[in-house]
Amino acid sequence: MKIIIDTHIYLWALAEPFRLSDPKRSALEDLANTIYLSAVSIAELMIKASIGKIQIDFDPVAKAKESGFSLLDFSSDAALMLKDLPFHHKDPFDRMLIAQSIATRYPIMTEDSKITQYDCRVI
């Protein structure tokens, strides 16, 4: 299975894996799955670090590769979906991840319950 991970899932997997449920941890560790870190999450981390909301003292791209995650670019097709995406969720980064999940038909792994209101599969 191909899975897009939400930004907080990526951070938890790196630094606080105990916060992940057993099924989520198993899915991340299953070598049959391709786990994607979206360029959207990298942008979110860099923007939040630049405004002092979080501290990032590592290269998230290099760390993702070291951790066995694949990188997923944000496509123009996914961007076009943002215009008609309902406003159940206001966070622009989450909205982009939702659009990406819908466009690729890859489920998104998250703890954000608002994402379940969209036409995408949530793990």
PDB file of N, CA and C in Angstrom:
ATOM      1  N   MET A   1       0.835  -1.175   0.000  1.00  0.00           N
ATOM      2  CA  MET A   1       0.000   0.000   0.000  1.00  0.00           C
ATOM      3  C   MET A   1       0.884   1.244   0.000  1.00  0.00           C
ATOM      4  N   LYS A   2       0.406   2.279  -0.654  1.00  0.00           N
ATOM      5  CA  LYS A   2       1.080   3.577  -0.662  1.00  0.00           C
ATOM      6  C   LYS A   2       0.341   4.489   0.304  1.00  0.00           C
ATOM      7  N   ILE A   3       1.070   5.115   1.217  1.00  0.00           N
ATOM      8  CA  ILE A   3       0.479   5.902   2.295  1.00  0.00           C
ATOM      9  C   ILE A   3       1.176   7.257   2.387  1.00  0.00           C
ATOM     10  N   ILE A   4       0.386   8.324   2.448  1.00  0.00           N
ATOM     11  CA  ILE A   4       0.919   9.664   2.718  1.00  0.00           C
ATOM     12  C   ILE A   4       0.816   9.882   4.224  1.00  0.00           C
ATOM     13  N   ILE A   5       1.902  10.322   4.837  1.00  0.00           N
ATOM     14  CA  ILE A   5       1.855  10.591   6.274  1.00  0.00           C
ATOM     15  C   ILE A   5       1.696  12.096   6.525  1.00  0.00           C
ATOM     16  N   ASP A   6       0.830  12.411   7.479  1.00  0.00           N
ATOM     17  CA  ASP A   6       0.648  13.793   7.904  1.00  0.00           C
ATOM     18  C   ASP A   6       1.932  14.249   8.613  1.00  0.00           C
ATOM     19  N   THR A   7       2.144  15.527   8.664  1.00  0.00           N
ATOM     20  CA  THR A   7       3.380  16.081   9.218  1.00  0.00           C
ATOM     21  C   THR A   7       3.626  15.614  10.650  1.00  0.00           C
ATOM     22  N   HIS A   8       2.603  15.609  11.478  1.00  0.00           N
ATOM     23  CA  HIS A   8       2.803  15.195  12.872  1.00  0.00           C
ATOM     24  C   HIS A   8       3.162  13.708  12.960  1.00  0.00           C
ATOM     25  N   ILE A   9       2.657  12.893  12.057  1.00  0.00           N
ATOM     26  CA  ILE A   9       3.012  11.473  12.046  1.00  0.00           C
ATOM     27  C   ILE A   9       4.494  11.322  11.727  1.00  0.00           C
ATOM     28  N   TYR A  10       4.979  12.122  10.791  1.00  0.00           N
ATOM     29  CA  TYR A  10       6.408  12.106  10.448  1.00  0.00           C
ATOM     30  C   TYR A  10       7.247  12.465  11.676  1.00  0.00           C
ATOM     31  N   LEU A  11       6.884  13.543  12.359  1.00  0.00           N
ATOM     32  CA  LEU A  11       7.655  13.962  13.530  1.00  0.00           C
ATOM     33  C   LEU A  11       7.585  12.920  14.646  1.00  0.00           C
ATOM     34  N   TRP A  12       6.418  12.346  14.859  1.00  0.00           N
ATOM     35  CA  TRP A  12       6.285  11.307  15.881  1.00  0.00           C
ATOM     36  C   TRP A  12       7.116  10.077  15.525  1.00  0.00           C
ATOM     37  N   ALA A  13       7.099   9.698  14.263  1.00  0.00           N
ATOM     38  CA  ALA A  13       7.869   8.520  13.836  1.00  0.00           C
ATOM     39  C   ALA A  13       9.354   8.729  14.106  1.00  0.00           C
ATOM     40  N   LEU A  14       9.823   9.957  13.938  1.00  0.00           N
ATOM     41  CA  LEU A  14      11.242  10.247  14.156  1.00  0.00           C
ATOM     42  C   LEU A  14      11.606  10.350  15.632  1.00  0.00           C
ATOM     43  N   ALA A  15      10.792  11.079  16.397  1.00  0.00           N
ATOM     44  CA  ALA A  15      11.192  11.448  17.750  1.00  0.00           C
ATOM     45  C   ALA A  15      10.344  10.864  18.874  1.00  0.00           C
ATOM     46  N   GLU A  16       9.108  10.499  18.577  1.00  0.00           N
ATOM     47  CA  GLU A  16       8.199  10.027  19.619  1.00  0.00           C
ATOM     48  C   GLU A  16       7.352   8.852  19.121  1.00  0.00           C
ATOM     49  N   PRO A  17       7.982   7.775  18.671  1.00  0.00           N
ATOM     50  CA  PRO A  17       7.210   6.670  18.097  1.00  0.00           C
ATOM     51  C   PRO A  17       6.189   6.062  19.055  1.00  0.00           C
ATOM     52  N   PHE A  18       6.378   6.249  20.360  1.00  0.00           N
ATOM     53  CA  PHE A  18       5.420   5.737  21.350  1.00  0.00           C
ATOM     54  C   PHE A  18       4.049   6.399  21.202  1.00  0.00           C
ATOM     55  N   ARG A  19       3.983   7.552  20.537  1.00  0.00           N
ATOM     56  CA  ARG A  19       2.706   8.249  20.334  1.00  0.00           C
ATOM     57  C   ARG A  19       1.874   7.616  19.217  1.00  0.00           C
ATOM     58  N   LEU A  20       2.508   6.760  18.424  1.00  0.00           N
ATOM     59  CA  LEU A  20       1.806   6.094  17.328  1.00  0.00           C
ATOM     60  C   LEU A  20       1.095   4.853  17.847  1.00  0.00           C
ATOM     61  N   SER A  21      -0.129   4.638  17.390  1.00  0.00           N
ATOM     62  CA  SER A  21      -0.841   3.418  17.752  1.00  0.00           C
ATOM     63  C   SER A  21      -0.117   2.219  17.138  1.00  0.00           C
ATOM     64  N   ASP A  22      -0.358   1.057  17.693  1.00  0.00           N
ATOM     65  CA  ASP A  22       0.276  -0.151  17.152  1.00  0.00           C
ATOM     66  C   ASP A  22      -0.044  -0.364  15.678  1.00  0.00           C
ATOM     67  N   PRO A  23      -1.310  -0.191  15.243  1.00  0.00           N
ATOM     68  CA  PRO A  23      -1.583  -0.364  13.808  1.00  0.00           C
ATOM     69  C   PRO A  23      -0.839   0.638  12.916  1.00  0.00           C
ATOM     70  N   LYS A  24      -0.735   1.877  13.380  1.00  0.00           N
ATOM     71  CA  LYS A  24      -0.005   2.878  12.589  1.00  0.00           C
ATOM     72  C   LYS A  24       1.488   2.542  12.533  1.00  0.00           C
ATOM     73  N   ARG A  25       2.042   2.176  13.656  1.00  0.00           N
ATOM     74  CA  ARG A  25       3.456   1.820  13.704  1.00  0.00           C
ATOM     75  C   ARG A  25       3.721   0.606  12.808  1.00  0.00           C
ATOM     76  N   SER A  26       2.828  -0.375  12.855  1.00  0.00           N
ATOM     77  CA  SER A  26       2.983  -1.572  12.015  1.00  0.00           C
ATOM     78  C   SER A  26       2.936  -1.212  10.538  1.00  0.00           C
ATOM     79  N   ALA A  27       2.008  -0.326  10.165  1.00  0.00           N
ATOM     80  CA  ALA A  27       1.907   0.093   8.765  1.00  0.00           C
ATOM     81  C   ALA A  27       3.169   0.818   8.313  1.00  0.00           C
ATOM     82  N   LEU A  28       3.736   1.658   9.200  1.00  0.00           N
ATOM     83  CA  LEU A  28       4.970   2.376   8.859  1.00  0.00           C
ATOM     84  C   LEU A  28       6.156   1.421   8.714  1.00  0.00           C
ATOM     85  N   GLU A  29       6.166   0.366   9.501  1.00  0.00           N
ATOM     86  CA  GLU A  29       7.292  -0.570   9.502  1.00  0.00           C
ATOM     87  C   GLU A  29       7.157  -1.679   8.462  1.00  0.00           C
ATOM     88  N   ASP A  30       5.963  -1.847   7.898  1.00  0.00           N
ATOM     89  CA  ASP A  30       5.728  -2.902   6.918  1.00  0.00           C
ATOM     90  C   ASP A  30       6.453  -2.561   5.614  1.00  0.00           C
ATOM     91  N   LEU A  31       7.433  -3.364   5.256  1.00  0.00           N
ATOM     92  CA  LEU A  31       8.238  -3.104   4.056  1.00  0.00           C
ATOM     93  C   LEU A  31       7.438  -3.238   2.769  1.00  0.00           C
ATOM     94  N   ALA A  32       6.259  -3.829   2.839  1.00  0.00           N
ATOM     95  CA  ALA A  32       5.396  -3.926   1.663  1.00  0.00           C
ATOM     96  C   ALA A  32       4.730  -2.582   1.349  1.00  0.00           C
ATOM     97  N   ASN A  33       4.706  -1.672   2.317  1.00  0.00           N
ATOM     98  CA  ASN A  33       4.109  -0.352   2.130  1.00  0.00           C
ATOM     99  C   ASN A  33       5.156   0.648   1.673  1.00  0.00           C
ATOM    100  N   THR A  34       4.725   1.589   0.850  1.00  0.00           N
ATOM    101  CA  THR A  34       5.549   2.747   0.496  1.00  0.00           C
ATOM    102  C   THR A  34       4.994   3.923   1.284  1.00  0.00           C
ATOM    103  N   ILE A  35       5.819   4.481   2.140  1.00  0.00           N
ATOM    104  CA  ILE A  35       5.405   5.585   3.002  1.00  0.00           C
ATOM    105  C   ILE A  35       5.938   6.885   2.405  1.00  0.00           C
ATOM    106  N   TYR A  36       5.020   7.799   2.119  1.00  0.00           N
ATOM    107  CA  TYR A  36       5.389   9.060   1.488  1.00  0.00           C
ATOM    108  C   TYR A  36       5.341  10.222   2.463  1.00  0.00           C
ATOM    109  N   LEU A  37       6.412  11.004   2.452  1.00  0.00           N
ATOM    110  CA  LEU A  37       6.416  12.315   3.092  1.00  0.00           C
ATOM    111  C   LEU A  37       6.233  13.321   1.963  1.00  0.00           C
ATOM    112  N   SER A  38       5.185  14.100   2.059  1.00  0.00           N
ATOM    113  CA  SER A  38       4.860  15.061   1.012  1.00  0.00           C
ATOM    114  C   SER A  38       5.747  16.303   1.090  1.00  0.00           C
ATOM    115  N   ALA A  39       5.984  16.889  -0.074  1.00  0.00           N
ATOM    116  CA  ALA A  39       6.667  18.179  -0.130  1.00  0.00           C
ATOM    117  C   ALA A  39       5.882  19.227   0.659  1.00  0.00           C
ATOM    118  N   VAL A  40       4.579  19.028   0.774  1.00  0.00           N
ATOM    119  CA  VAL A  40       3.735  19.929   1.569  1.00  0.00           C
ATOM    120  C   VAL A  40       4.179  19.908   3.032  1.00  0.00           C
ATOM    121  N   SER A  41       4.465  18.730   3.560  1.00  0.00           N
ATOM    122  CA  SER A  41       4.908  18.627   4.962  1.00  0.00           C
ATOM    123  C   SER A  41       6.270  19.278   5.157  1.00  0.00           C
ATOM    124  N   ILE A  42       7.145  19.123   4.187  1.00  0.00           N
ATOM    125  CA  ILE A  42       8.460  19.757   4.286  1.00  0.00           C
ATOM    126  C   ILE A  42       8.290  21.278   4.290  1.00  0.00           C
ATOM    127  N   ALA A  43       7.422  21.789   3.417  1.00  0.00           N
ATOM    128  CA  ALA A  43       7.153  23.230   3.390  1.00  0.00           C
ATOM    129  C   ALA A  43       6.560  23.695   4.717  1.00  0.00           C
ATOM    130  N   GLU A  44       5.638  22.918   5.263  1.00  0.00           N
ATOM    131  CA  GLU A  44       5.034  23.268   6.557  1.00  0.00           C
ATOM    132  C   GLU A  44       6.088  23.364   7.654  1.00  0.00           C
ATOM    133  N   LEU A  45       6.970  22.382   7.705  1.00  0.00           N
ATOM    134  CA  LEU A  45       8.028  22.392   8.718  1.00  0.00           C
ATOM    135  C   LEU A  45       8.950  23.596   8.561  1.00  0.00           C
ATOM    136  N   MET A  46       9.332  23.897   7.334  1.00  0.00           N
ATOM    137  CA  MET A  46      10.256  25.000   7.094  1.00  0.00           C
ATOM    138  C   MET A  46       9.603  26.350   7.394  1.00  0.00           C
ATOM    139  N   ILE A  47       8.341  26.513   7.028  1.00  0.00           N
ATOM    140  CA  ILE A  47       7.647  27.775   7.318  1.00  0.00           C
ATOM    141  C   ILE A  47       7.475  27.952   8.823  1.00  0.00           C
ATOM    142  N   LYS A  48       7.045  26.896   9.506  1.00  0.00           N
ATOM    143  CA  LYS A  48       6.854  27.004  10.955  1.00  0.00           C
ATOM    144  C   LYS A  48       8.183  27.224  11.682  1.00  0.00           C
ATOM    145  N   ALA A  49       9.265  26.648  11.174  1.00  0.00           N
ATOM    146  CA  ALA A  49      10.588  26.888  11.766  1.00  0.00           C
ATOM    147  C   ALA A  49      11.016  28.343  11.527  1.00  0.00           C
ATOM    148  N   SER A  50      10.716  28.873  10.344  1.00  0.00           N
ATOM    149  CA  SER A  50      11.146  30.236  10.018  1.00  0.00           C
ATOM    150  C   SER A  50      10.434  31.291  10.857  1.00  0.00           C
ATOM    151  N   ILE A  51       9.226  30.977  11.351  1.00  0.00           N
ATOM    152  CA  ILE A  51       8.501  31.951  12.181  1.00  0.00           C
ATOM    153  C   ILE A  51       8.629  31.632  13.672  1.00  0.00           C
ATOM    154  N   GLY A  52       9.447  30.639  13.988  1.00  0.00           N
ATOM    155  CA  GLY A  52       9.726  30.322  15.379  1.00  0.00           C
ATOM    156  C   GLY A  52       8.668  29.475  16.072  1.00  0.00           C
ATOM    157  N   LYS A  53       7.747  28.896  15.313  1.00  0.00           N
ATOM    158  CA  LYS A  53       6.698  28.076  15.921  1.00  0.00           C
ATOM    159  C   LYS A  53       7.225  26.716  16.362  1.00  0.00           C
ATOM    160  N   ILE A  54       8.197  26.191  15.618  1.00  0.00           N
ATOM    161  CA  ILE A  54       8.858  24.936  15.986  1.00  0.00           C
ATOM    162  C   ILE A  54      10.351  25.083  15.707  1.00  0.00           C
ATOM    163  N   GLN A  55      11.122  24.208  16.304  1.00  0.00           N
ATOM    164  CA  GLN A  55      12.559  24.200  16.035  1.00  0.00           C
ATOM    165  C   GLN A  55      12.891  22.936  15.256  1.00  0.00           C
ATOM    166  N   ILE A  56      13.497  23.135  14.099  1.00  0.00           N
ATOM    167  CA  ILE A  56      13.927  22.019  13.255  1.00  0.00           C
ATOM    168  C   ILE A  56      15.441  22.117  13.146  1.00  0.00           C
ATOM    169  N   ASP A  57      16.120  21.184  13.793  1.00  0.00           N
ATOM    170  CA  ASP A  57      17.587  21.205  13.768  1.00  0.00           C
ATOM    171  C   ASP A  57      18.143  20.039  12.953  1.00  0.00           C
ATOM    172  N   PHE A  58      17.376  19.632  11.938  1.00  0.00           N
ATOM    173  CA  PHE A  58      17.789  18.538  11.064  1.00  0.00           C
ATOM    174  C   PHE A  58      17.252  18.809   9.664  1.00  0.00           C
ATOM    175  N   ASP A  59      17.797  18.116   8.688  1.00  0.00           N
ATOM    176  CA  ASP A  59      17.322  18.229   7.317  1.00  0.00           C
ATOM    177  C   ASP A  59      16.184  17.219   7.140  1.00  0.00           C
ATOM    178  N   PRO A  60      14.935  17.688   7.020  1.00  0.00           N
ATOM    179  CA  PRO A  60      13.816  16.753   6.953  1.00  0.00           C
ATOM    180  C   PRO A  60      13.829  15.862   5.715  1.00  0.00           C
ATOM    181  N   VAL A  61      14.409  16.327   4.633  1.00  0.00           N
ATOM    182  CA  VAL A  61      14.504  15.499   3.426  1.00  0.00           C
ATOM    183  C   VAL A  61      15.490  14.363   3.658  1.00  0.00           C
ATOM    184  N   ALA A  62      16.674  14.697   4.148  1.00  0.00           N
ATOM    185  CA  ALA A  62      17.684  13.664   4.417  1.00  0.00           C
ATOM    186  C   ALA A  62      17.181  12.679   5.471  1.00  0.00           C
ATOM    187  N   LYS A  63      16.529  13.185   6.515  1.00  0.00           N
ATOM    188  CA  LYS A  63      16.029  12.319   7.584  1.00  0.00           C
ATOM    189  C   LYS A  63      14.927  11.396   7.063  1.00  0.00           C
ATOM    190  N   ALA A  64      14.091  11.905   6.186  1.00  0.00           N
ATOM    191  CA  ALA A  64      13.044  11.065   5.587  1.00  0.00           C
ATOM    192  C   ALA A  64      13.671   9.915   4.800  1.00  0.00           C
ATOM    193  N   LYS A  65      14.664  10.249   3.984  1.00  0.00           N
ATOM    194  CA  LYS A  65      15.342   9.206   3.192  1.00  0.00           C
ATOM    195  C   LYS A  65      16.033   8.197   4.091  1.00  0.00           C
ATOM    196  N   GLU A  66      16.713   8.676   5.129  1.00  0.00           N
ATOM    197  CA  GLU A  66      17.385   7.780   6.081  1.00  0.00           C
ATOM    198  C   GLU A  66      16.385   6.851   6.772  1.00  0.00           C
ATOM    199  N   SER A  67      15.180   7.343   6.979  1.00  0.00           N
ATOM    200  CA  SER A  67      14.147   6.576   7.675  1.00  0.00           C
ATOM    201  C   SER A  67      13.381   5.628   6.756  1.00  0.00           C
ATOM    202  N   GLY A  68      13.707   5.668   5.479  1.00  0.00           N
ATOM    203  CA  GLY A  68      13.049   4.775   4.530  1.00  0.00           C
ATOM    204  C   GLY A  68      11.778   5.326   3.923  1.00  0.00           C
ATOM    205  N   PHE A  69      11.493   6.607   4.162  1.00  0.00           N
ATOM    206  CA  PHE A  69      10.311   7.223   3.579  1.00  0.00           C
ATOM    207  C   PHE A  69      10.640   7.712   2.170  1.00  0.00           C
ATOM    208  N   SER A  70       9.657   7.681   1.297  1.00  0.00           N
ATOM    209  CA  SER A  70       9.795   8.232  -0.050  1.00  0.00           C
ATOM    210  C   SER A  70       9.259   9.658  -0.025  1.00  0.00           C
ATOM    211  N   LEU A  71       9.702  10.465  -0.968  1.00  0.00           N
ATOM    212  CA  LEU A  71       9.249  11.855  -1.063  1.00  0.00           C
ATOM    213  C   LEU A  71       8.202  11.961  -2.158  1.00  0.00           C
ATOM    214  N   LEU A  72       7.208  12.790  -1.926  1.00  0.00           N
ATOM    215  CA  LEU A  72       6.107  12.947  -2.874  1.00  0.00           C
ATOM    216  C   LEU A  72       5.934  14.427  -3.176  1.00  0.00           C
ATOM    217  N   ASP A  73       6.122  14.784  -4.450  1.00  0.00           N
ATOM    218  CA  ASP A  73       5.921  16.165  -4.867  1.00  0.00           C
ATOM    219  C   ASP A  73       4.437  16.504  -4.876  1.00  0.00           C
ATOM    220  N   PHE A  74       4.125  17.778  -4.720  1.00  0.00           N
ATOM    221  CA  PHE A  74       2.744  18.260  -4.786  1.00  0.00           C
ATOM    222  C   PHE A  74       2.463  18.632  -6.230  1.00  0.00           C
ATOM    223  N   SER A  75       1.451  18.013  -6.824  1.00  0.00           N
ATOM    224  CA  SER A  75       1.184  18.186  -8.253  1.00  0.00           C
ATOM    225  C   SER A  75       0.210  19.322  -8.544  1.00  0.00           C
ATOM    226  N   SER A  76       0.231  19.755  -9.788  1.00  0.00           N
ATOM    227  CA  SER A  76      -0.722  20.764 -10.255  1.00  0.00           C
ATOM    228  C   SER A  76      -2.147  20.226 -10.182  1.00  0.00           C
ATOM    229  N   ASP A  77      -2.334  18.935 -10.463  1.00  0.00           N
ATOM    230  CA  ASP A  77      -3.674  18.341 -10.386  1.00  0.00           C
ATOM    231  C   ASP A  77      -4.223  18.425  -8.964  1.00  0.00           C
ATOM    232  N   ALA A  78      -3.385  18.149  -7.991  1.00  0.00           N
ATOM    233  CA  ALA A  78      -3.816  18.257  -6.596  1.00  0.00           C
ATOM    234  C   ALA A  78      -4.116  19.715  -6.253  1.00  0.00           C
ATOM    235  N   ALA A  79      -3.294  20.635  -6.743  1.00  0.00           N
ATOM    236  CA  ALA A  79      -3.507  22.059  -6.471  1.00  0.00           C
ATOM    237  C   ALA A  79      -4.847  22.534  -7.021  1.00  0.00           C
ATOM    238  N   LEU A  80      -5.226  22.063  -8.193  1.00  0.00           N
ATOM    239  CA  LEU A  80      -6.502  22.462  -8.784  1.00  0.00           C
ATOM    240  C   LEU A  80      -7.691  22.034  -7.930  1.00  0.00           C
ATOM    241  N   MET A  81      -7.558  20.943  -7.213  1.00  0.00           N
ATOM    242  CA  MET A  81      -8.650  20.446  -6.366  1.00  0.00           C
ATOM    243  C   MET A  81      -8.950  21.382  -5.190  1.00  0.00           C
ATOM    244  N   LEU A  82      -7.985  22.197  -4.813  1.00  0.00           N
ATOM    245  CA  LEU A  82      -8.160  23.067  -3.643  1.00  0.00           C
ATOM    246  C   LEU A  82      -9.315  24.052  -3.808  1.00  0.00           C
ATOM    247  N   LYS A  83      -9.585  24.454  -5.036  1.00  0.00           N
ATOM    248  CA  LYS A  83     -10.651  25.431  -5.285  1.00  0.00           C
ATOM    249  C   LYS A  83     -12.010  24.923  -4.820  1.00  0.00           C
ATOM    250  N   ASP A  84     -12.303  23.653  -5.048  1.00  0.00           N
ATOM    251  CA  ASP A  84     -13.621  23.099  -4.728  1.00  0.00           C
ATOM    252  C   ASP A  84     -13.644  22.234  -3.480  1.00  0.00           C
ATOM    253  N   LEU A  85     -12.534  22.157  -2.780  1.00  0.00           N
ATOM    254  CA  LEU A  85     -12.467  21.335  -1.571  1.00  0.00           C
ATOM    255  C   LEU A  85     -13.286  22.005  -0.464  1.00  0.00           C
ATOM    256  N   PRO A  86     -14.242  21.275   0.140  1.00  0.00           N
ATOM    257  CA  PRO A  86     -15.042  21.883   1.222  1.00  0.00           C
ATOM    258  C   PRO A  86     -14.151  22.388   2.354  1.00  0.00           C
ATOM    259  N   PHE A  87     -14.647  23.385   3.088  1.00  0.00           N
ATOM    260  CA  PHE A  87     -13.858  23.997   4.162  1.00  0.00           C
ATOM    261  C   PHE A  87     -14.136  23.367   5.521  1.00  0.00           C
ATOM    262  N   HIS A  88     -14.157  22.028   5.563  1.00  0.00           N
ATOM    263  CA  HIS A  88     -14.249  21.346   6.855  1.00  0.00           C
ATOM    264  C   HIS A  88     -12.984  21.625   7.665  1.00  0.00           C
ATOM    265  N   HIS A  89     -11.887  21.779   6.950  1.00  0.00           N
ATOM    266  CA  HIS A  89     -10.577  22.001   7.572  1.00  0.00           C
ATOM    267  C   HIS A  89     -10.030  23.311   7.032  1.00  0.00           C
ATOM    268  N   LYS A  90      -9.555  24.161   7.907  1.00  0.00           N
ATOM    269  CA  LYS A  90      -9.075  25.484   7.498  1.00  0.00           C
ATOM    270  C   LYS A  90      -7.559  25.545   7.275  1.00  0.00           C
ATOM    271  N   ASP A  91      -6.802  24.608   7.874  1.00  0.00           N
ATOM    272  CA  ASP A  91      -5.348  24.641   7.771  1.00  0.00           C
ATOM    273  C   ASP A  91      -4.916  24.395   6.323  1.00  0.00           C
ATOM    274  N   PRO A  92      -4.196  25.353   5.716  1.00  0.00           N
ATOM    275  CA  PRO A  92      -3.832  25.193   4.302  1.00  0.00           C
ATOM    276  C   PRO A  92      -2.924  23.989   4.025  1.00  0.00           C
ATOM    277  N   PHE A  93      -2.054  23.653   4.953  1.00  0.00           N
ATOM    278  CA  PHE A  93      -1.179  22.502   4.740  1.00  0.00           C
ATOM    279  C   PHE A  93      -1.988  21.199   4.753  1.00  0.00           C
ATOM    280  N   ASP A  94      -2.901  21.094   5.699  1.00  0.00           N
ATOM    281  CA  ASP A  94      -3.742  19.901   5.743  1.00  0.00           C
ATOM    282  C   ASP A  94      -4.640  19.826   4.519  1.00  0.00           C
ATOM    283  N   ARG A  95      -5.145  20.946   4.071  1.00  0.00           N
ATOM    284  CA  ARG A  95      -5.977  20.956   2.861  1.00  0.00           C
ATOM    285  C   ARG A  95      -5.179  20.474   1.655  1.00  0.00           C
ATOM    286  N   MET A  96      -3.921  20.863   1.568  1.00  0.00           N
ATOM    287  CA  MET A  96      -3.082  20.392   0.453  1.00  0.00           C
ATOM    288  C   MET A  96      -2.824  18.886   0.566  1.00  0.00           C
ATOM    289  N   LEU A  97      -2.584  18.390   1.779  1.00  0.00           N
ATOM    290  CA  LEU A  97      -2.387  16.949   1.958  1.00  0.00           C
ATOM    291  C   LEU A  97      -3.660  16.176   1.605  1.00  0.00           C
ATOM    292  N   ILE A  98      -4.810  16.714   1.963  1.00  0.00           N
ATOM    293  CA  ILE A  98      -6.085  16.087   1.617  1.00  0.00           C
ATOM    294  C   ILE A  98      -6.241  16.034   0.103  1.00  0.00           C
ATOM    295  N   ALA A  99      -6.002  17.154  -0.569  1.00  0.00           N
ATOM    296  CA  ALA A  99      -6.100  17.193  -2.030  1.00  0.00           C
ATOM    297  C   ALA A  99      -5.121  16.197  -2.663  1.00  0.00           C
ATOM    298  N   GLN A 100      -3.929  16.110  -2.104  1.00  0.00           N
ATOM    299  CA  GLN A 100      -2.937  15.179  -2.621  1.00  0.00           C
ATOM    300  C   GLN A 100      -3.404  13.728  -2.434  1.00  0.00           C
ATOM    301  N   SER A 101      -3.997  13.441  -1.297  1.00  0.00           N
ATOM    302  CA  SER A 101      -4.514  12.107  -1.034  1.00  0.00           C
ATOM    303  C   SER A 101      -5.627  11.748  -2.025  1.00  0.00           C
ATOM    304  N   ILE A 102      -6.516  12.705  -2.267  1.00  0.00           N
ATOM    305  CA  ILE A 102      -7.607  12.471  -3.214  1.00  0.00           C
ATOM    306  C   ILE A 102      -7.056  12.291  -4.625  1.00  0.00           C
ATOM    307  N   ALA A 103      -6.126  13.147  -5.023  1.00  0.00           N
ATOM    308  CA  ALA A 103      -5.575  13.096  -6.384  1.00  0.00           C
ATOM    309  C   ALA A 103      -4.817  11.798  -6.655  1.00  0.00           C
ATOM    310  N   THR A 104      -4.064  11.340  -5.670  1.00  0.00           N
ATOM    311  CA  THR A 104      -3.245  10.131  -5.868  1.00  0.00           C
ATOM    312  C   THR A 104      -4.003   8.856  -5.514  1.00  0.00           C
ATOM    313  N   ARG A 105      -5.082   9.032  -4.739  1.00  0.00           N
ATOM    314  CA  ARG A 105      -5.852   7.900  -4.191  1.00  0.00           C
ATOM    315  C   ARG A 105      -5.038   7.097  -3.180  1.00  0.00           C
ATOM    316  N   TYR A 106      -4.056   7.768  -2.565  1.00  0.00           N
ATOM    317  CA  TYR A 106      -3.290   7.157  -1.484  1.00  0.00           C
ATOM    318  C   TYR A 106      -3.946   7.561  -0.163  1.00  0.00           C
ATOM    319  N   PRO A 107      -4.101   6.633   0.756  1.00  0.00           N
ATOM    320  CA  PRO A 107      -4.644   7.021   2.064  1.00  0.00           C
ATOM    321  C   PRO A 107      -3.665   7.931   2.805  1.00  0.00           C
ATOM    322  N   ILE A 108      -4.215   8.701   3.723  1.00  0.00           N
ATOM    323  CA  ILE A 108      -3.386   9.578   4.546  1.00  0.00           C
ATOM    324  C   ILE A 108      -3.414   9.069   5.983  1.00  0.00           C
ATOM    325  N   MET A 109      -2.236   8.961   6.581  1.00  0.00           N
ATOM    326  CA  MET A 109      -2.121   8.551   7.973  1.00  0.00           C
ATOM    327  C   MET A 109      -2.058   9.806   8.825  1.00  0.00           C
ATOM    328  N   THR A 110      -3.026   9.925   9.734  1.00  0.00           N
ATOM    329  CA  THR A 110      -3.127  11.121  10.558  1.00  0.00           C
ATOM    330  C   THR A 110      -3.896  10.813  11.833  1.00  0.00           C
ATOM    331  N   GLU A 111      -3.784  11.698  12.789  1.00  0.00           N
ATOM    332  CA  GLU A 111      -4.623  11.668  13.984  1.00  0.00           C
ATOM    333  C   GLU A 111      -5.637  12.810  13.944  1.00  0.00           C
ATOM    334  N   ASP A 112      -5.653  13.556  12.855  1.00  0.00           N
ATOM    335  CA  ASP A 112      -6.531  14.713  12.709  1.00  0.00           C
ATOM    336  C   ASP A 112      -7.916  14.239  12.263  1.00  0.00           C
ATOM    337  N   SER A 113      -8.878  14.275  13.167  1.00  0.00           N
ATOM    338  CA  SER A 113     -10.218  13.762  12.881  1.00  0.00           C
ATOM    339  C   SER A 113     -10.966  14.584  11.831  1.00  0.00           C
ATOM    340  N   LYS A 114     -10.588  15.839  11.631  1.00  0.00           N
ATOM    341  CA  LYS A 114     -11.256  16.667  10.622  1.00  0.00           C
ATOM    342  C   LYS A 114     -11.057  16.095   9.216  1.00  0.00           C
ATOM    343  N   ILE A 115      -9.947  15.398   9.006  1.00  0.00           N
ATOM    344  CA  ILE A 115      -9.641  14.871   7.677  1.00  0.00           C
ATOM    345  C   ILE A 115     -10.620  13.770   7.276  1.00  0.00           C
ATOM    346  N   THR A 116     -11.227  13.112   8.244  1.00  0.00           N
ATOM    347  CA  THR A 116     -12.189  12.045   7.932  1.00  0.00           C
ATOM    348  C   THR A 116     -13.446  12.581   7.247  1.00  0.00           C
ATOM    349  N   GLN A 117     -13.652  13.887   7.261  1.00  0.00           N
ATOM    350  CA  GLN A 117     -14.819  14.490   6.617  1.00  0.00           C
ATOM    351  C   GLN A 117     -14.669  14.604   5.102  1.00  0.00           C
ATOM    352  N   TYR A 118     -13.499  14.257   4.596  1.00  0.00           N
ATOM    353  CA  TYR A 118     -13.223  14.375   3.173  1.00  0.00           C
ATOM    354  C   TYR A 118     -13.276  13.016   2.485  1.00  0.00           C
ATOM    355  N   ASP A 119     -13.340  13.075   1.176  1.00  0.00           N
ATOM    356  CA  ASP A 119     -13.433  11.871   0.355  1.00  0.00           C
ATOM    357  C   ASP A 119     -12.046  11.272   0.109  1.00  0.00           C
ATOM    358  N   CYS A 120     -11.373  10.970   1.208  1.00  0.00           N
ATOM    359  CA  CYS A 120     -10.079  10.295   1.122  1.00  0.00           C
ATOM    360  C   CYS A 120     -10.030   9.249   2.227  1.00  0.00           C
ATOM    361  N   ARG A 121      -9.240   8.227   2.001  1.00  0.00           N
ATOM    362  CA  ARG A 121      -9.120   7.181   3.007  1.00  0.00           C
ATOM    363  C   ARG A 121      -8.143   7.633   4.087  1.00  0.00           C
ATOM    364  N   VAL A 122      -8.506   7.416   5.343  1.00  0.00           N
ATOM    365  CA  VAL A 122      -7.676   7.837   6.473  1.00  0.00           C
ATOM    366  C   VAL A 122      -7.258   6.596   7.254  1.00  0.00           C
ATOM    367  N   ILE A 123      -5.983   6.557   7.571  1.00  0.00           N
ATOM    368  CA  ILE A 123      -5.443   5.477   8.406  1.00  0.00           C
ATOM    369  C   ILE A 123      -5.141   6.065   9.760  1.00  0.00           C
TER     370      ILE A 123
END
